[in-house]
Amino acid sequence: METTKYEARTTTTVSEGPGIGFDRSYLTSVLGILNAIIVLAAFCMGVSCSVPTLFWSFTSAAAYSSFVAWQILVVFIIIYLFYMLRILPKIPGPIGLAMLIYLLINFVFLFISIVLCAINIEIFKGPAASAMVFALIVIGGHFGVGFLLFQKWRASGHYFHKASAVTLSLAAPLRHRHGPVWGTRPLLTWCSDLVLDWLGIFIWRCV
C-alpha cells in the first residue's frame, strides 16, 4: 500500500500599494507643500544670483550660490514628480537613506552659500540679501522634509532601508511596525540603520 505525502505551503502576498499614477493627495500633503516651497525658493535664489547689478553675478559667491540653487531646483523637481506620480515606491534600494544624506549635503552647501552672501551684502546689498533670504527658506524646507522623513522612519520601527517605508503618504497617521530580529539582518541593513541613527539625532537636535 502506497502512502501519498502532502506538503502544505503558505503563500504570502506583499502589497506594494497603488500603482504608478497621478496622486492628488500629495499636492496638499505637508511633504508636497514643503517640496513646492523648496522648488520656488531655489528658483528665486538662482535668479537672485544671476542679477548683473553691480557685477554681483560675476562674483565667486554668486556663482557658487547659483550652482547650489539650480542643482537643488532640478533635483527637487524630479523628486516632486516622482512623488506625485507614485514612482518612488517602485524604485528598489534605500531611497529614504539616500534622500536624508542628500538633504544633509545640501544643508552644508546652503550654509556656505548663506555665509558668502552675508559677507557680500555690504557691497552688493539687494541681490546678495535676496539670495541669502531665499537660501534660508530653502534650508528651512530641507529641515522640514528631513524631519518628516526621520519621523516616518522612527515610527516604522527603525526600518527605513526599503523604498516603501519612505514613499508612504506623510500626511497620513504614522503607524508603528516592528522590524526583523537583529540577528537576521544583513550587514548592509545594520549599517544603514546606524547611519540613520546619527542623521536622525542630528536633525532632531537642529529642529
Protein backbone atom coordinates (compact mmCIF):
# COMPACT_ATOMS: atom_id res chain seq x y z
CA MET A 1 0.00 0.00 0.00
CA GLU A 2 1.46 3.33 -1.06
CA THR A 3 1.24 6.38 1.14
CA THR A 4 0.98 9.79 -0.51
CA LYS A 5 2.71 12.59 1.37
CA TYR A 6 1.35 16.09 1.09
CA GLU A 7 3.35 19.20 1.88
CA ALA A 8 1.47 22.28 2.97
CA ARG A 9 2.75 25.54 1.56
CA THR A 10 1.82 29.06 2.56
CA THR A 11 1.94 31.85 0.03
CA THR A 12 2.42 35.37 1.36
CA THR A 13 1.33 38.27 -0.78
CA VAL A 14 3.03 41.59 -0.17
CA SER A 15 1.09 44.66 -1.17
CA GLU A 16 3.14 47.30 -2.94
CA GLY A 17 0.42 49.90 -2.60
CA PRO A 18 -1.21 51.71 -5.53
CA GLY A 19 0.45 51.58 -8.91
CA ILE A 20 2.06 54.37 -10.85
CA GLY A 21 -0.36 57.23 -11.45
CA PHE A 22 -1.27 60.76 -10.50
CA ASP A 23 -1.56 61.24 -6.73
CA ARG A 24 -3.68 64.30 -5.97
CA SER A 25 -3.33 63.90 -2.19
CA TYR A 26 0.40 64.57 -2.46
CA LEU A 27 -0.23 68.10 -3.72
CA THR A 28 -1.98 69.05 -0.47
CA SER A 29 0.17 66.97 1.88
CA VAL A 30 2.77 68.55 4.15
CA LEU A 31 5.60 66.95 2.21
CA GLY A 32 4.21 68.14 -1.12
CA ILE A 33 3.84 71.71 0.12
CA LEU A 34 7.37 71.72 1.53
CA ASN A 35 8.81 70.39 -1.71
CA ALA A 36 6.93 73.04 -3.69
CA ILE A 37 8.29 75.76 -1.38
CA ILE A 38 11.83 74.44 -1.87
CA VAL A 39 11.41 74.45 -5.67
CA LEU A 40 10.07 78.03 -5.75
CA ALA A 41 12.63 79.37 -3.27
CA ALA A 42 15.51 77.65 -5.10
CA PHE A 43 14.32 79.22 -8.37
CA CYS A 44 14.18 82.68 -6.78
CA MET A 45 17.60 82.12 -5.22
CA GLY A 46 19.07 81.19 -8.60
CA VAL A 47 17.53 84.25 -10.25
CA SER A 48 18.87 86.49 -7.45
CA CYS A 49 22.36 85.16 -8.08
CA SER A 50 22.06 85.87 -11.82
CA VAL A 51 21.21 89.57 -11.48
CA PRO A 52 24.04 91.59 -13.10
CA THR A 53 23.53 94.55 -10.74
CA LEU A 54 26.90 95.96 -9.60
CA PHE A 55 28.59 92.92 -11.19
CA TRP A 56 27.16 90.73 -8.42
CA SER A 57 26.60 87.78 -10.79
CA PHE A 58 30.30 87.77 -11.70
CA THR A 59 31.49 87.16 -8.14
CA SER A 60 32.53 83.73 -6.87
CA ALA A 61 29.88 83.91 -4.14
CA ALA A 62 27.10 84.43 -6.68
CA ALA A 63 28.45 81.71 -8.97
CA TYR A 64 28.65 79.20 -6.11
CA SER A 65 25.19 80.12 -4.78
CA SER A 66 23.75 79.91 -8.29
CA PHE A 67 25.14 76.39 -8.73
CA VAL A 68 23.67 75.30 -5.39
CA ALA A 69 20.28 76.80 -6.21
CA TRP A 70 19.93 75.33 -9.70
CA GLN A 71 21.01 71.82 -8.72
CA ILE A 72 18.51 71.85 -5.83
CA LEU A 73 15.82 73.10 -8.22
CA VAL A 74 16.42 70.31 -10.75
CA VAL A 75 16.67 67.52 -8.18
CA PHE A 76 13.58 68.59 -6.23
CA ILE A 77 11.51 68.95 -9.40
CA ILE A 78 12.40 65.31 -10.15
CA ILE A 79 11.59 64.28 -6.56
CA TYR A 80 8.30 66.19 -6.71
CA LEU A 81 7.26 64.47 -9.94
CA PHE A 82 8.33 61.04 -8.68
CA TYR A 83 6.26 61.50 -5.53
CA MET A 84 3.26 62.89 -7.41
CA LEU A 85 3.29 60.03 -9.94
CA ARG A 86 3.98 57.39 -7.24
CA ILE A 87 7.19 56.26 -8.95
CA LEU A 88 9.40 56.25 -5.83
CA PRO A 89 7.74 53.16 -4.27
CA LYS A 90 8.74 51.20 -7.37
CA ILE A 91 12.43 52.10 -7.12
CA PRO A 92 14.43 49.44 -5.24
CA GLY A 93 17.10 50.35 -2.73
CA PRO A 94 17.48 52.57 0.34
CA ILE A 95 15.65 55.59 -1.09
CA GLY A 96 14.95 57.12 2.32
CA LEU A 97 18.57 56.88 3.38
CA ALA A 98 19.74 58.41 0.09
CA MET A 99 17.32 61.31 0.49
CA LEU A 100 18.44 62.05 4.04
CA ILE A 101 22.09 62.02 3.00
CA TYR A 102 21.29 64.34 0.08
CA LEU A 103 19.45 66.74 2.41
CA LEU A 104 22.42 66.76 4.77
CA ILE A 105 24.85 67.53 1.92
CA ASN A 106 22.60 70.34 0.70
CA PHE A 107 22.48 71.75 4.22
CA VAL A 108 26.28 72.15 4.16
CA PHE A 109 26.18 73.71 0.67
CA LEU A 110 23.42 76.12 1.66
CA PHE A 111 25.13 77.11 4.90
CA ILE A 112 28.28 78.05 2.95
CA SER A 113 26.14 79.98 0.45
CA ILE A 114 24.40 81.91 3.24
CA VAL A 115 27.75 82.86 4.76
CA LEU A 116 29.12 84.04 1.39
CA CYS A 117 26.02 86.10 0.65
CA ALA A 118 26.09 87.65 4.12
CA ILE A 119 29.71 88.70 3.60
CA ASN A 120 28.81 90.42 0.30
CA ILE A 121 25.65 92.20 1.49
CA GLU A 122 27.56 95.37 2.39
CA ILE A 123 28.90 95.69 -1.16
CA PHE A 124 26.11 94.28 -3.33
CA LYS A 125 23.19 94.92 -0.97
CA GLY A 126 19.86 93.88 -2.60
CA PRO A 127 20.90 90.93 -4.80
CA ALA A 128 23.10 89.37 -2.12
CA ALA A 129 20.46 89.94 0.56
CA SER A 130 17.67 88.39 -1.51
CA ALA A 131 19.84 85.38 -2.37
CA MET A 132 20.57 84.90 1.32
CA VAL A 133 16.87 85.15 2.27
CA PHE A 134 15.81 82.58 -0.32
CA ALA A 135 18.69 80.32 0.75
CA LEU A 136 17.34 80.49 4.31
CA ILE A 137 13.89 79.49 3.04
CA VAL A 138 15.39 76.58 1.10
CA ILE A 139 17.38 75.37 4.10
CA GLY A 140 14.25 75.65 6.26
CA GLY A 141 12.38 73.49 3.75
CA HIS A 142 15.21 70.94 3.92
CA PHE A 143 14.84 70.80 7.69
CA GLY A 144 11.11 70.25 7.32
CA VAL A 145 11.44 67.45 4.78
CA GLY A 146 14.25 65.81 6.75
CA PHE A 147 12.22 65.99 9.96
CA LEU A 148 9.19 64.34 8.29
CA LEU A 149 11.34 61.57 6.82
CA PHE A 150 13.02 60.97 10.17
CA GLN A 151 9.64 60.86 11.95
CA LYS A 152 8.36 58.31 9.44
CA TRP A 153 11.48 56.21 9.84
CA ARG A 154 11.30 56.29 13.64
CA ALA A 155 7.59 55.42 13.66
CA SER A 156 8.16 52.45 11.34
CA GLY A 157 10.39 50.71 13.88
CA HIS A 158 13.74 51.97 12.58
CA TYR A 159 13.17 50.05 9.36
CA PHE A 160 13.89 52.70 6.76
CA HIS A 161 16.01 50.94 4.17
CA LYS A 162 13.12 49.94 1.91
CA ALA A 163 11.67 52.30 -0.65
CA SER A 164 8.12 51.68 0.56
CA ALA A 165 9.00 52.95 4.03
CA VAL A 166 9.72 56.45 2.79
CA THR A 167 7.21 56.81 -0.01
CA LEU A 168 4.12 56.30 2.11
CA SER A 169 1.94 59.36 2.44
CA LEU A 170 3.49 61.50 5.14
CA ALA A 171 0.16 63.26 5.62
CA ALA A 172 -1.39 60.02 6.87
CA PRO A 173 -1.16 58.91 10.52
CA LEU A 174 2.11 57.23 11.42
CA ARG A 175 1.87 53.51 12.10
CA HIS A 176 4.33 51.55 14.21
CA ARG A 177 5.77 48.44 12.70
CA HIS A 178 8.24 46.02 14.18
CA GLY A 179 11.28 45.25 12.08
CA PRO A 180 13.01 41.89 11.81
CA VAL A 181 15.20 40.47 14.51
CA TRP A 182 18.70 41.92 14.74
CA GLY A 183 20.33 38.53 14.27
CA THR A 184 18.76 38.07 10.83
CA ARG A 185 19.56 41.48 9.41
CA PRO A 186 22.27 41.67 6.75
CA LEU A 187 25.30 43.84 7.32
CA LEU A 188 24.11 46.48 4.83
CA THR A 189 20.83 46.93 6.71
CA TRP A 190 22.64 47.26 10.04
CA CYS A 191 24.99 49.90 8.60
CA SER A 192 22.12 51.89 7.10
CA ASP A 193 20.29 51.84 10.45
CA LEU A 194 23.44 53.04 12.20
CA VAL A 195 23.88 55.93 9.78
CA LEU A 196 20.21 56.86 10.10
CA ASP A 197 20.53 56.88 13.89
CA TRP A 198 23.24 59.55 13.66
CA LEU A 199 21.39 61.53 10.97
CA GLY A 200 18.18 61.35 12.97
CA ILE A 201 19.84 62.61 16.13
CA PHE A 202 21.43 65.47 14.19
CA ILE A 203 18.15 66.54 12.52
CA TRP A 204 16.21 66.14 15.80
CA ARG A 205 18.60 68.39 17.71
CA CYS A 206 18.71 71.03 14.96
CA VAL A 207 14.93 71.21 14.62
